[in-house]
Amino acid sequence: MKFIIDLDLERKVARWPEGKGVEIPLRPFFGEMGVAPAPRYGRVTSQYPLEYGGNLIIKNWWRETTLYLPVSHPGALFQQATVIGAQGDGEADTTGD
């Protein structure tokens, strides 16, 4: 099943499709952030966070939040992904997207 959600950016809400009258307040944040891991890790996944970052889906991280990550490579190679428009409290299966 596929839905197209209407975003009202002026009011900062998402409207559920098919005119059901449901609106969800938008509070976007990045769910995944990290730097290149130390070489000892080899190839990694972002599904589980470690000291270099990863799946950091915490809805209360906002503009005032500071994230410190260790730098193991010149330039750190910072990456962020998974922009989330709104989320409730927690994740049931490590993928709250």
C-alpha atoms as a PDB file:
ATOM      1  CA  MET A   1       0.000   0.000   0.000  1.00  0.00           C
ATOM      2  CA  LYS A   2       1.304   3.438  -0.869  1.00  0.00           C
ATOM      3  CA  PHE A   3       0.294   6.801   0.606  1.00  0.00           C
ATOM      4  CA  ILE A   4       1.163  10.309  -0.419  1.00  0.00           C
ATOM      5  CA  ILE A   5       1.223  12.497   2.674  1.00  0.00           C
ATOM      6  CA  ASP A   6       0.485  16.196   2.199  1.00  0.00           C
ATOM      7  CA  LEU A   7       2.945  18.456   4.023  1.00  0.00           C
ATOM      8  CA  ASP A   8       1.746  21.892   5.057  1.00  0.00           C
ATOM      9  CA  LEU A   9       5.072  23.604   5.686  1.00  0.00           C
ATOM     10  CA  GLU A  10       3.513  26.912   6.725  1.00  0.00           C
ATOM     11  CA  ARG A  11       1.525  25.251   9.515  1.00  0.00           C
ATOM     12  CA  LYS A  12       4.238  22.608  10.074  1.00  0.00           C
ATOM     13  CA  VAL A  13       1.876  19.637   9.911  1.00  0.00           C
ATOM     14  CA  ALA A  14       1.493  16.503   7.800  1.00  0.00           C
ATOM     15  CA  ARG A  15      -2.031  15.619   6.688  1.00  0.00           C
ATOM     16  CA  TRP A  16      -3.076  11.998   6.366  1.00  0.00           C
ATOM     17  CA  PRO A  17      -4.311  11.172   2.845  1.00  0.00           C
ATOM     18  CA  GLU A  18      -7.889  10.521   1.792  1.00  0.00           C
ATOM     19  CA  GLY A  19      -9.332  13.436   3.778  1.00  0.00           C
ATOM     20  CA  LYS A  20      -9.561  11.667   7.134  1.00  0.00           C
ATOM     21  CA  GLY A  21      -8.798  14.917   8.967  1.00  0.00           C
ATOM     22  CA  VAL A  22      -5.716  13.564  10.758  1.00  0.00           C
ATOM     23  CA  GLU A  23      -2.840  16.018  11.159  1.00  0.00           C
ATOM     24  CA  ILE A  24       0.562  15.232  12.632  1.00  0.00           C
ATOM     25  CA  PRO A  25       2.763  18.092  13.901  1.00  0.00           C
ATOM     26  CA  LEU A  26       6.124  18.107  12.120  1.00  0.00           C
ATOM     27  CA  ARG A  27       9.344  18.240  14.102  1.00  0.00           C
ATOM     28  CA  PRO A  28      12.026  17.046  11.690  1.00  0.00           C
ATOM     29  CA  PHE A  29      15.395  15.681  12.787  1.00  0.00           C
ATOM     30  CA  PHE A  30      18.176  13.478  11.425  1.00  0.00           C
ATOM     31  CA  GLY A  31      17.958   9.868  12.551  1.00  0.00           C
ATOM     32  CA  GLU A  32      21.405   8.729  11.486  1.00  0.00           C
ATOM     33  CA  MET A  33      24.625  10.636  12.066  1.00  0.00           C
ATOM     34  CA  GLY A  34      28.177   9.519  12.229  1.00  0.00           C
ATOM     35  CA  VAL A  35      31.794   9.753  11.206  1.00  0.00           C
ATOM     36  CA  ALA A  36      34.017   7.175   9.512  1.00  0.00           C
ATOM     37  CA  PRO A  37      34.792   4.476  12.082  1.00  0.00           C
ATOM     38  CA  ALA A  38      38.296   3.519  13.124  1.00  0.00           C
ATOM     39  CA  PRO A  39      39.895   1.048  10.691  1.00  0.00           C
ATOM     40  CA  ARG A  40      39.753  -1.762  13.299  1.00  0.00           C
ATOM     41  CA  TYR A  41      35.970  -1.957  12.732  1.00  0.00           C
ATOM     42  CA  GLY A  42      36.255  -2.749   9.033  1.00  0.00           C
ATOM     43  CA  ARG A  43      32.966  -2.464   7.154  1.00  0.00           C
ATOM     44  CA  VAL A  44      30.099  -1.381   9.437  1.00  0.00           C
ATOM     45  CA  THR A  45      26.352  -0.908   9.391  1.00  0.00           C
ATOM     46  CA  SER A  46      24.553   2.197  10.607  1.00  0.00           C
ATOM     47  CA  GLN A  47      21.716   0.118  12.100  1.00  0.00           C
ATOM     48  CA  TYR A  48      23.328  -0.045  15.540  1.00  0.00           C
ATOM     49  CA  PRO A  49      25.081   2.964  17.072  1.00  0.00           C
ATOM     50  CA  LEU A  50      28.604   2.756  18.395  1.00  0.00           C
ATOM     51  CA  GLU A  51      31.027   5.510  19.404  1.00  0.00           C
ATOM     52  CA  TYR A  52      31.313   6.701  15.782  1.00  0.00           C
ATOM     53  CA  GLY A  53      27.541   7.267  15.506  1.00  0.00           C
ATOM     54  CA  GLY A  54      24.956   5.343  13.520  1.00  0.00           C
ATOM     55  CA  ASN A  55      21.246   4.917  14.192  1.00  0.00           C
ATOM     56  CA  LEU A  56      20.710   7.711  16.719  1.00  0.00           C
ATOM     57  CA  ILE A  57      16.972   8.176  16.356  1.00  0.00           C
ATOM     58  CA  ILE A  58      16.194  10.254  19.432  1.00  0.00           C
ATOM     59  CA  LYS A  59      13.259  12.583  18.835  1.00  0.00           C
ATOM     60  CA  ASN A  60      14.310  15.016  21.567  1.00  0.00           C
ATOM     61  CA  TRP A  61      17.583  15.879  19.812  1.00  0.00           C
ATOM     62  CA  TRP A  62      16.959  19.277  18.380  1.00  0.00           C
ATOM     63  CA  ARG A  63      18.794  22.469  17.515  1.00  0.00           C
ATOM     64  CA  GLU A  64      20.110  22.880  21.050  1.00  0.00           C
ATOM     65  CA  THR A  65      21.722  19.416  21.049  1.00  0.00           C
ATOM     66  CA  THR A  66      25.467  18.900  20.656  1.00  0.00           C
ATOM     67  CA  LEU A  67      26.787  15.534  19.479  1.00  0.00           C
ATOM     68  CA  TYR A  68      30.434  14.656  20.107  1.00  0.00           C
ATOM     69  CA  LEU A  69      31.989  11.841  18.052  1.00  0.00           C
ATOM     70  CA  PRO A  70      35.626  10.713  17.988  1.00  0.00           C
ATOM     71  CA  VAL A  71      37.503  11.490  14.776  1.00  0.00           C
ATOM     72  CA  SER A  72      39.510   8.553  13.389  1.00  0.00           C
ATOM     73  CA  HIS A  73      40.175   9.928   9.888  1.00  0.00           C
ATOM     74  CA  PRO A  74      41.297  13.335   8.614  1.00  0.00           C
ATOM     75  CA  GLY A  75      38.185  15.434   8.052  1.00  0.00           C
ATOM     76  CA  ALA A  76      36.054  12.933  10.031  1.00  0.00           C
ATOM     77  CA  LEU A  77      33.960  12.121   6.911  1.00  0.00           C
ATOM     78  CA  PHE A  78      30.735  13.178   8.697  1.00  0.00           C
ATOM     79  CA  GLN A  79      27.494  11.775   7.284  1.00  0.00           C
ATOM     80  CA  GLN A  80      23.853  12.311   8.195  1.00  0.00           C
ATOM     81  CA  ALA A  81      20.816  10.571   6.776  1.00  0.00           C
ATOM     82  CA  THR A  82      17.268   9.450   7.434  1.00  0.00           C
ATOM     83  CA  VAL A  83      15.396  12.712   7.836  1.00  0.00           C
ATOM     84  CA  ILE A  84      12.373  12.018  10.028  1.00  0.00           C
ATOM     85  CA  GLY A  85       9.397  14.376   9.966  1.00  0.00           C
ATOM     86  CA  ALA A  86       7.875  13.291  13.296  1.00  0.00           C
ATOM     87  CA  GLN A  87       8.189  10.381  15.688  1.00  0.00           C
ATOM     88  CA  GLY A  88       6.587   9.112  18.844  1.00  0.00           C
ATOM     89  CA  ASP A  89       8.474   7.782  21.864  1.00  0.00           C
ATOM     90  CA  GLY A  90      10.961   5.055  20.969  1.00  0.00           C
ATOM     91  CA  GLU A  91      11.255   2.335  18.365  1.00  0.00           C
ATOM     92  CA  ALA A  92       9.857  -1.165  18.506  1.00  0.00           C
ATOM     93  CA  ASP A  93      12.349  -2.825  16.157  1.00  0.00           C
ATOM     94  CA  THR A  94      15.300  -0.393  15.684  1.00  0.00           C
ATOM     95  CA  THR A  95      13.701   1.048  12.543  1.00  0.00           C
ATOM     96  CA  GLY A  96      11.298   3.811  13.511  1.00  0.00           C
ATOM     97  CA  ASP A  97      11.201   5.256   9.967  1.00  0.00           C
END
